[in-house]
Amino acid sequence: MSAAQDIPREERLRTTTGLRGTPALPLSAWRGASGRRYVVGVHDARHVDVDEMAEAVAIGVSRDSNGIAQMQGVAVGLGHGAGDQWLGEMRRKGCTEIHVHRLAENASARREIEDDLNPSKKGGRR
């Protein structure tokens, strides 16, 4: 990756209509500093269920005037109390979407993904 590509960035996915004509689950993907890609479900920040984030990697996202995703924060280990607090912080930062990655096998894998999406992190959550 070039220096400009080293930062984590969103790579939108195309989805089609689901089975029986139902709307497709809104999906996207983030490319980490390592080059690995993480598929995420896209949730409205006003209506996301905190329980959805308990065993997942959560990414707070705002969009600029061109629709480009701006990562405002990434976190793991968001039990009910921590999830509410983190969501409040992301909403105050202007997040309109919460992207949730649920495919990590365990807490250790989720922390590795968090670090990959937040390479400047030196302890603590972004």
C-alpha atoms as a PDB file:
ATOM      1  CA  MET A   1       0.000   0.000   0.000  1.00  0.00           C
ATOM      2  CA  SER A   2       1.141   3.537  -0.647  1.00  0.00           C
ATOM      3  CA  ALA A   3       1.300   6.033   2.215  1.00  0.00           C
ATOM      4  CA  ALA A   4      -2.065   7.502   1.187  1.00  0.00           C
ATOM      5  CA  GLN A   5      -3.607   4.035   1.261  1.00  0.00           C
ATOM      6  CA  ASP A   6      -2.153   3.042   4.652  1.00  0.00           C
ATOM      7  CA  ILE A   7      -5.015   4.578   6.571  1.00  0.00           C
ATOM      8  CA  PRO A   8      -8.074   2.422   7.105  1.00  0.00           C
ATOM      9  CA  ARG A   9     -10.748   3.197   4.535  1.00  0.00           C
ATOM     10  CA  GLU A  10     -14.195   2.071   3.540  1.00  0.00           C
ATOM     11  CA  GLU A  11     -14.750   0.053   0.381  1.00  0.00           C
ATOM     12  CA  ARG A  12     -18.455   0.003  -0.405  1.00  0.00           C
ATOM     13  CA  LEU A  13     -20.031  -3.287  -1.399  1.00  0.00           C
ATOM     14  CA  ARG A  14     -22.828  -3.721  -3.868  1.00  0.00           C
ATOM     15  CA  THR A  15     -25.764  -5.659  -2.529  1.00  0.00           C
ATOM     16  CA  THR A  16     -28.777  -6.916  -4.374  1.00  0.00           C
ATOM     17  CA  THR A  17     -32.317  -7.633  -3.352  1.00  0.00           C
ATOM     18  CA  GLY A  18     -32.502 -10.454  -0.856  1.00  0.00           C
ATOM     19  CA  LEU A  19     -34.537 -13.603  -1.125  1.00  0.00           C
ATOM     20  CA  ARG A  20     -38.199 -13.172  -2.025  1.00  0.00           C
ATOM     21  CA  GLY A  21     -37.707  -9.525  -2.955  1.00  0.00           C
ATOM     22  CA  THR A  22     -36.826  -8.279   0.528  1.00  0.00           C
ATOM     23  CA  PRO A  23     -34.286  -5.449   0.753  1.00  0.00           C
ATOM     24  CA  ALA A  24     -30.711  -6.625   1.051  1.00  0.00           C
ATOM     25  CA  LEU A  25     -28.834  -6.159   4.304  1.00  0.00           C
ATOM     26  CA  PRO A  26     -26.779  -2.974   3.919  1.00  0.00           C
ATOM     27  CA  LEU A  27     -23.152  -4.084   3.828  1.00  0.00           C
ATOM     28  CA  SER A  28     -19.843  -2.343   3.422  1.00  0.00           C
ATOM     29  CA  ALA A  29     -16.204  -3.209   4.063  1.00  0.00           C
ATOM     30  CA  TRP A  30     -13.212  -1.551   5.665  1.00  0.00           C
ATOM     31  CA  ARG A  31      -9.621  -2.105   4.602  1.00  0.00           C
ATOM     32  CA  GLY A  32      -7.234  -2.030   7.567  1.00  0.00           C
ATOM     33  CA  ALA A  33      -3.658  -0.754   7.590  1.00  0.00           C
ATOM     34  CA  SER A  34      -2.497  -4.348   7.020  1.00  0.00           C
ATOM     35  CA  GLY A  35      -4.517  -4.555   3.803  1.00  0.00           C
ATOM     36  CA  ARG A  36      -7.019  -7.012   5.305  1.00  0.00           C
ATOM     37  CA  ARG A  37     -10.676  -6.396   4.504  1.00  0.00           C
ATOM     38  CA  TYR A  38     -13.465  -6.525   7.084  1.00  0.00           C
ATOM     39  CA  VAL A  39     -17.071  -6.836   5.948  1.00  0.00           C
ATOM     40  CA  VAL A  40     -19.524  -4.892   8.123  1.00  0.00           C
ATOM     41  CA  GLY A  41     -23.253  -4.487   8.512  1.00  0.00           C
ATOM     42  CA  VAL A  42     -24.323  -0.835   8.314  1.00  0.00           C
ATOM     43  CA  HIS A  43     -26.691   0.430  11.016  1.00  0.00           C
ATOM     44  CA  ASP A  44     -28.324   3.804  11.561  1.00  0.00           C
ATOM     45  CA  ALA A  45     -26.577   5.352  14.594  1.00  0.00           C
ATOM     46  CA  ARG A  46     -29.957   6.449  15.977  1.00  0.00           C
ATOM     47  CA  HIS A  47     -31.411   2.944  16.008  1.00  0.00           C
ATOM     48  CA  VAL A  48     -28.543   0.493  16.504  1.00  0.00           C
ATOM     49  CA  ASP A  49     -29.086  -2.164  19.174  1.00  0.00           C
ATOM     50  CA  VAL A  50     -26.287  -2.084  21.766  1.00  0.00           C
ATOM     51  CA  ASP A  51     -26.508  -5.870  22.057  1.00  0.00           C
ATOM     52  CA  GLU A  52     -25.437  -6.064  18.375  1.00  0.00           C
ATOM     53  CA  MET A  53     -22.014  -4.748  19.397  1.00  0.00           C
ATOM     54  CA  ALA A  54     -21.256  -6.891  22.464  1.00  0.00           C
ATOM     55  CA  GLU A  55     -19.160  -9.485  20.600  1.00  0.00           C
ATOM     56  CA  ALA A  56     -18.228  -7.443  17.554  1.00  0.00           C
ATOM     57  CA  VAL A  57     -15.972  -4.693  16.276  1.00  0.00           C
ATOM     58  CA  ALA A  58     -17.923  -1.424  16.110  1.00  0.00           C
ATOM     59  CA  ILE A  59     -16.947   1.514  13.907  1.00  0.00           C
ATOM     60  CA  GLY A  60     -18.491   4.964  14.276  1.00  0.00           C
ATOM     61  CA  VAL A  61     -18.887   6.601  10.861  1.00  0.00           C
ATOM     62  CA  SER A  62     -19.817  10.046   9.598  1.00  0.00           C
ATOM     63  CA  ARG A  63     -19.883  10.997   5.916  1.00  0.00           C
ATOM     64  CA  ASP A  64     -18.499  14.092   4.273  1.00  0.00           C
ATOM     65  CA  SER A  65     -20.407  16.100   1.652  1.00  0.00           C
ATOM     66  CA  ASN A  66     -19.235  13.652  -1.052  1.00  0.00           C
ATOM     67  CA  GLY A  67     -20.504  10.622   0.864  1.00  0.00           C
ATOM     68  CA  ILE A  68     -16.992   9.477   1.799  1.00  0.00           C
ATOM     69  CA  ALA A  69     -16.901   7.618   5.113  1.00  0.00           C
ATOM     70  CA  GLN A  70     -14.963   9.226   7.935  1.00  0.00           C
ATOM     71  CA  MET A  71     -14.121   6.838  10.779  1.00  0.00           C
ATOM     72  CA  GLN A  72     -14.740   8.593  14.094  1.00  0.00           C
ATOM     73  CA  GLY A  73     -13.918   5.681  16.362  1.00  0.00           C
ATOM     74  CA  VAL A  74     -13.502   1.934  16.624  1.00  0.00           C
ATOM     75  CA  ALA A  75     -14.121  -0.210  19.680  1.00  0.00           C
ATOM     76  CA  VAL A  76     -14.496  -3.782  20.897  1.00  0.00           C
ATOM     77  CA  GLY A  77     -15.803  -5.318  24.104  1.00  0.00           C
ATOM     78  CA  LEU A  78     -18.840  -3.081  24.286  1.00  0.00           C
ATOM     79  CA  GLY A  79     -21.066  -4.672  26.896  1.00  0.00           C
ATOM     80  CA  HIS A  80     -24.331  -2.898  27.654  1.00  0.00           C
ATOM     81  CA  GLY A  81     -22.992   0.000  29.760  1.00  0.00           C
ATOM     82  CA  ALA A  82     -19.860   0.519  27.677  1.00  0.00           C
ATOM     83  CA  GLY A  83     -21.880   0.259  24.459  1.00  0.00           C
ATOM     84  CA  ASP A  84     -24.286   3.006  25.531  1.00  0.00           C
ATOM     85  CA  GLN A  85     -21.389   5.261  26.514  1.00  0.00           C
ATOM     86  CA  TRP A  86     -19.474   4.646  23.269  1.00  0.00           C
ATOM     87  CA  LEU A  87     -22.606   5.200  21.149  1.00  0.00           C
ATOM     88  CA  GLY A  88     -23.235   8.512  22.911  1.00  0.00           C
ATOM     89  CA  GLU A  89     -19.662   9.588  22.191  1.00  0.00           C
ATOM     90  CA  MET A  90     -19.955   8.610  18.522  1.00  0.00           C
ATOM     91  CA  ARG A  91     -23.251  10.483  18.138  1.00  0.00           C
ATOM     92  CA  ARG A  92     -21.656  13.594  19.703  1.00  0.00           C
ATOM     93  CA  LYS A  93     -18.877  13.280  17.098  1.00  0.00           C
ATOM     94  CA  GLY A  94     -21.523  13.413  14.366  1.00  0.00           C
ATOM     95  CA  CYS A  95     -21.731   9.731  13.462  1.00  0.00           C
ATOM     96  CA  THR A  96     -24.781   8.815  11.456  1.00  0.00           C
ATOM     97  CA  GLU A  97     -23.807   5.163  10.945  1.00  0.00           C
ATOM     98  CA  ILE A  98     -22.398   2.376  13.070  1.00  0.00           C
ATOM     99  CA  HIS A  99     -20.607  -0.326  11.084  1.00  0.00           C
ATOM    100  CA  VAL A 100     -20.519  -3.690  12.873  1.00  0.00           C
ATOM    101  CA  HIS A 101     -18.074  -6.511  12.045  1.00  0.00           C
ATOM    102  CA  ARG A 102     -19.241  -9.817  13.561  1.00  0.00           C
ATOM    103  CA  LEU A 103     -16.961 -12.333  11.855  1.00  0.00           C
ATOM    104  CA  ALA A 104     -14.085 -12.369  14.377  1.00  0.00           C
ATOM    105  CA  GLU A 105     -13.849 -15.693  16.200  1.00  0.00           C
ATOM    106  CA  ASN A 106     -12.980 -14.409  19.676  1.00  0.00           C
ATOM    107  CA  ALA A 107     -12.038 -11.371  21.784  1.00  0.00           C
ATOM    108  CA  SER A 108      -8.372 -11.604  20.812  1.00  0.00           C
ATOM    109  CA  ALA A 109      -9.230 -11.548  17.101  1.00  0.00           C
ATOM    110  CA  ARG A 110     -11.538  -8.565  17.664  1.00  0.00           C
ATOM    111  CA  ARG A 111      -8.701  -6.646  19.385  1.00  0.00           C
ATOM    112  CA  GLU A 112      -6.384  -7.409  16.452  1.00  0.00           C
ATOM    113  CA  ILE A 113      -8.968  -6.015  14.047  1.00  0.00           C
ATOM    114  CA  GLU A 114      -9.436  -2.944  16.241  1.00  0.00           C
ATOM    115  CA  ASP A 115      -5.664  -2.345  16.119  1.00  0.00           C
ATOM    116  CA  ASP A 116      -5.595  -2.870  12.341  1.00  0.00           C
ATOM    117  CA  LEU A 117      -8.371  -0.320  11.858  1.00  0.00           C
ATOM    118  CA  ASN A 118      -6.748   2.069  14.334  1.00  0.00           C
ATOM    119  CA  PRO A 119      -2.970   1.651  13.818  1.00  0.00           C
ATOM    120  CA  SER A 120      -2.106   4.820  15.752  1.00  0.00           C
ATOM    121  CA  LYS A 121      -3.825   3.470  18.885  1.00  0.00           C
ATOM    122  CA  LYS A 122      -1.457   3.117  21.804  1.00  0.00           C
ATOM    123  CA  GLY A 123      -3.747   1.729  24.497  1.00  0.00           C
ATOM    124  CA  GLY A 124      -7.331   2.848  25.053  1.00  0.00           C
ATOM    125  CA  ARG A 125     -10.118   3.097  22.518  1.00  0.00           C
ATOM    126  CA  ARG A 126     -10.316   5.577  19.721  1.00  0.00           C
END
